[in-house]
N, C-alpha and C. Protein backbone atom coordinates (compact mmCIF):
# COMPACT_ATOMS: atom_id res chain seq x y z
N MET A 1 -11.27 65.89 -27.32
CA MET A 1 -11.40 67.07 -28.49
C MET A 1 -12.76 67.25 -28.98
N ASN A 2 -13.54 66.44 -28.96
CA ASN A 2 -15.08 66.59 -29.30
C ASN A 2 -15.64 67.62 -28.42
N GLU A 3 -15.26 67.69 -27.12
CA GLU A 3 -16.08 68.50 -26.17
C GLU A 3 -15.50 70.03 -26.61
N LEU A 4 -14.14 70.00 -26.98
CA LEU A 4 -13.69 71.38 -27.27
C LEU A 4 -14.18 72.01 -28.53
N LYS A 5 -14.38 71.09 -29.46
CA LYS A 5 -15.05 71.54 -30.81
C LYS A 5 -16.56 72.00 -30.33
N ASN A 6 -17.23 71.24 -29.58
CA ASN A 6 -18.51 71.61 -29.15
C ASN A 6 -18.61 73.03 -28.50
N PHE A 7 -17.51 73.18 -27.59
CA PHE A 7 -17.41 74.55 -26.90
C PHE A 7 -17.33 75.68 -27.82
N VAL A 8 -16.36 75.41 -28.74
CA VAL A 8 -16.01 76.55 -29.73
C VAL A 8 -17.22 76.68 -30.60
N TYR A 9 -17.94 75.91 -31.03
CA TYR A 9 -19.23 76.03 -31.96
C TYR A 9 -20.08 76.81 -31.04
N ILE A 10 -20.31 76.50 -29.92
CA ILE A 10 -21.34 77.20 -29.02
C ILE A 10 -20.81 78.68 -28.80
N SER A 11 -19.76 78.81 -28.63
CA SER A 11 -19.22 80.21 -28.50
C SER A 11 -19.38 81.00 -29.67
N ILE A 12 -19.24 80.38 -30.92
CA ILE A 12 -19.39 81.07 -32.20
C ILE A 12 -20.98 81.77 -32.21
N ILE A 13 -21.74 80.74 -31.82
CA ILE A 13 -23.23 81.28 -32.09
C ILE A 13 -24.00 81.74 -30.79
N SER A 14 -23.09 81.95 -29.57
CA SER A 14 -23.70 82.67 -28.53
C SER A 14 -24.13 83.88 -28.74
N ALA A 15 -25.21 84.20 -28.30
CA ALA A 15 -25.82 85.66 -28.34
C ALA A 15 -25.03 86.43 -27.46
N ASP A 16 -24.22 85.94 -26.74
CA ASP A 16 -23.32 86.92 -25.66
C ASP A 16 -21.91 87.09 -26.18
N ASN A 17 -21.69 86.39 -27.34
CA ASN A 17 -20.19 86.71 -28.04
C ASN A 17 -20.30 87.33 -29.20
N ASP A 18 -19.50 88.55 -29.31
CA ASP A 18 -19.43 89.27 -30.63
C ASP A 18 -18.00 89.28 -31.03
N GLU A 19 -17.11 88.36 -30.69
CA GLU A 19 -15.85 88.10 -31.07
C GLU A 19 -15.51 87.97 -32.56
N PHE A 20 -16.67 87.22 -33.11
CA PHE A 20 -16.50 87.05 -34.51
C PHE A 20 -17.40 87.92 -35.36
N GLY A 21 -17.67 89.13 -34.94
CA GLY A 21 -18.32 90.08 -35.67
C GLY A 21 -19.59 89.57 -36.42
N LEU A 22 -20.34 88.65 -35.86
CA LEU A 22 -21.48 88.13 -36.49
C LEU A 22 -22.84 88.72 -35.96
N THR A 23 -23.69 88.96 -36.91
CA THR A 23 -25.04 89.46 -36.65
C THR A 23 -25.74 88.23 -36.09
N GLU A 24 -27.01 88.59 -35.46
CA GLU A 24 -27.90 87.39 -35.09
C GLU A 24 -28.40 86.65 -36.26
N ASP A 25 -28.46 87.14 -37.52
CA ASP A 25 -28.91 86.70 -38.69
C ASP A 25 -27.69 85.64 -39.03
N ASP A 26 -26.47 86.08 -38.86
CA ASP A 26 -25.30 85.40 -39.41
C ASP A 26 -25.27 84.06 -38.40
N LYS A 27 -25.54 84.30 -37.04
CA LYS A 27 -25.59 83.00 -36.23
C LYS A 27 -26.63 82.11 -36.53
N GLN A 28 -27.84 82.58 -36.92
CA GLN A 28 -28.92 81.72 -37.30
C GLN A 28 -28.64 81.05 -38.52
N GLU A 29 -27.99 81.61 -39.38
CA GLU A 29 -27.52 80.97 -40.58
C GLU A 29 -26.49 79.85 -40.65
N ILE A 30 -25.45 80.03 -39.52
CA ILE A 30 -24.49 79.10 -39.24
C ILE A 30 -25.22 77.95 -38.55
N ILE A 31 -26.22 78.19 -37.71
CA ILE A 31 -27.23 76.93 -37.09
C ILE A 31 -27.77 76.31 -38.06
N ARG A 32 -28.28 77.02 -39.02
CA ARG A 32 -29.26 76.33 -39.99
C ARG A 32 -28.48 75.38 -40.86
N ARG A 33 -27.23 76.07 -41.22
CA ARG A 33 -26.28 74.97 -42.08
C ARG A 33 -25.71 73.88 -41.24
N TYR A 34 -25.40 73.99 -39.95
CA TYR A 34 -24.96 73.20 -39.16
C TYR A 34 -26.18 71.94 -38.89
N ASP A 35 -27.32 72.39 -38.79
CA ASP A 35 -28.45 71.41 -38.73
C ASP A 35 -28.56 70.51 -40.07
N LEU A 36 -28.36 71.21 -41.11
CA LEU A 36 -28.32 70.52 -42.44
C LEU A 36 -27.11 69.67 -42.73
N GLU A 37 -26.30 69.52 -41.73
CA GLU A 37 -24.94 68.86 -41.77
C GLU A 37 -24.10 69.11 -42.82
N GLU A 38 -23.89 70.39 -43.27
CA GLU A 38 -23.27 70.84 -44.38
C GLU A 38 -21.75 70.78 -43.93
N SER A 39 -20.73 70.97 -44.83
CA SER A 39 -19.41 71.05 -44.60
C SER A 39 -19.13 72.11 -43.83
N TRP A 40 -17.86 72.21 -42.95
CA TRP A 40 -17.63 73.15 -42.26
C TRP A 40 -17.23 74.50 -42.99
N ASP A 41 -16.68 74.35 -44.28
CA ASP A 41 -16.62 75.41 -45.23
C ASP A 41 -17.79 76.23 -45.38
N SER A 42 -18.87 75.42 -45.45
CA SER A 42 -20.34 75.97 -45.77
C SER A 42 -20.78 76.70 -44.58
N ILE A 43 -20.74 75.78 -43.30
CA ILE A 43 -21.38 76.17 -42.07
C ILE A 43 -20.81 77.62 -41.68
N LEU A 44 -19.45 77.66 -41.72
CA LEU A 44 -18.87 78.96 -41.12
C LEU A 44 -18.66 80.03 -42.31
N GLU A 45 -19.13 79.96 -43.51
CA GLU A 45 -19.28 81.05 -44.54
C GLU A 45 -19.69 82.33 -44.09
N PRO A 46 -20.67 82.46 -43.03
CA PRO A 46 -21.18 83.77 -42.83
C PRO A 46 -19.94 84.60 -41.97
N ILE A 47 -18.88 83.91 -41.62
CA ILE A 47 -17.72 84.47 -40.87
C ILE A 47 -17.01 85.43 -41.76
N LYS A 48 -17.08 86.72 -41.64
CA LYS A 48 -16.52 87.47 -42.84
C LYS A 48 -15.05 87.71 -42.90
N ASP A 49 -14.35 87.54 -41.71
CA ASP A 49 -12.91 87.56 -41.52
C ASP A 49 -12.35 86.28 -42.16
N ASP A 50 -11.50 86.25 -43.42
CA ASP A 50 -11.10 85.10 -43.92
C ASP A 50 -10.11 84.35 -43.24
N LYS A 51 -9.32 85.08 -42.52
CA LYS A 51 -8.25 84.45 -41.67
C LYS A 51 -8.85 83.54 -40.47
N THR A 52 -9.91 84.22 -39.94
CA THR A 52 -10.67 83.69 -38.77
C THR A 52 -11.39 82.30 -39.26
N ARG A 53 -12.03 82.59 -40.34
CA ARG A 53 -12.93 81.52 -41.09
C ARG A 53 -12.06 80.23 -41.28
N GLU A 54 -10.93 80.63 -41.83
CA GLU A 54 -10.04 79.47 -42.29
C GLU A 54 -9.47 78.65 -40.99
N MET A 55 -9.00 79.56 -40.06
CA MET A 55 -8.63 78.92 -38.86
C MET A 55 -9.48 78.03 -38.30
N LEU A 56 -10.94 78.33 -38.18
CA LEU A 56 -11.91 77.62 -37.68
C LEU A 56 -12.18 76.36 -38.38
N ILE A 57 -12.34 76.60 -39.68
CA ILE A 57 -12.49 75.34 -40.62
C ILE A 57 -11.47 74.37 -40.26
N ASP A 58 -10.27 74.63 -40.29
CA ASP A 58 -9.07 73.91 -40.09
C ASP A 58 -9.21 73.14 -38.68
N PHE A 59 -9.54 73.83 -37.74
CA PHE A 59 -9.81 73.30 -36.48
C PHE A 59 -10.95 72.23 -36.35
N PHE A 60 -12.11 72.62 -37.01
CA PHE A 60 -13.34 71.64 -37.05
C PHE A 60 -12.99 70.60 -37.91
N ASN A 61 -12.19 70.72 -38.99
CA ASN A 61 -11.97 69.47 -39.90
C ASN A 61 -10.66 68.58 -39.21
N GLY A 62 -10.13 69.06 -38.33
CA GLY A 62 -8.96 68.37 -37.67
C GLY A 62 -9.45 66.89 -36.93
N GLU A 63 -8.56 66.15 -36.54
CA GLU A 63 -8.85 64.89 -36.04
C GLU A 63 -9.57 65.03 -34.78
N ASP A 64 -10.37 64.22 -34.22
CA ASP A 64 -11.12 64.28 -33.01
C ASP A 64 -10.09 63.59 -31.87
């Protein structure tokens, strides 16, 4: 499960992925928050779509 979570995280911040409607600044902010080891709620805050953000938070907070 850890590998899947890593894959999803990398997909979110990938420069080639625009599925989440994130700007490059949004992606950099997610990376900055991740590096600070903040909660997933905080890390994923730049994702503007509430439903998508909540789904991802639930996914990352799930058991490994």
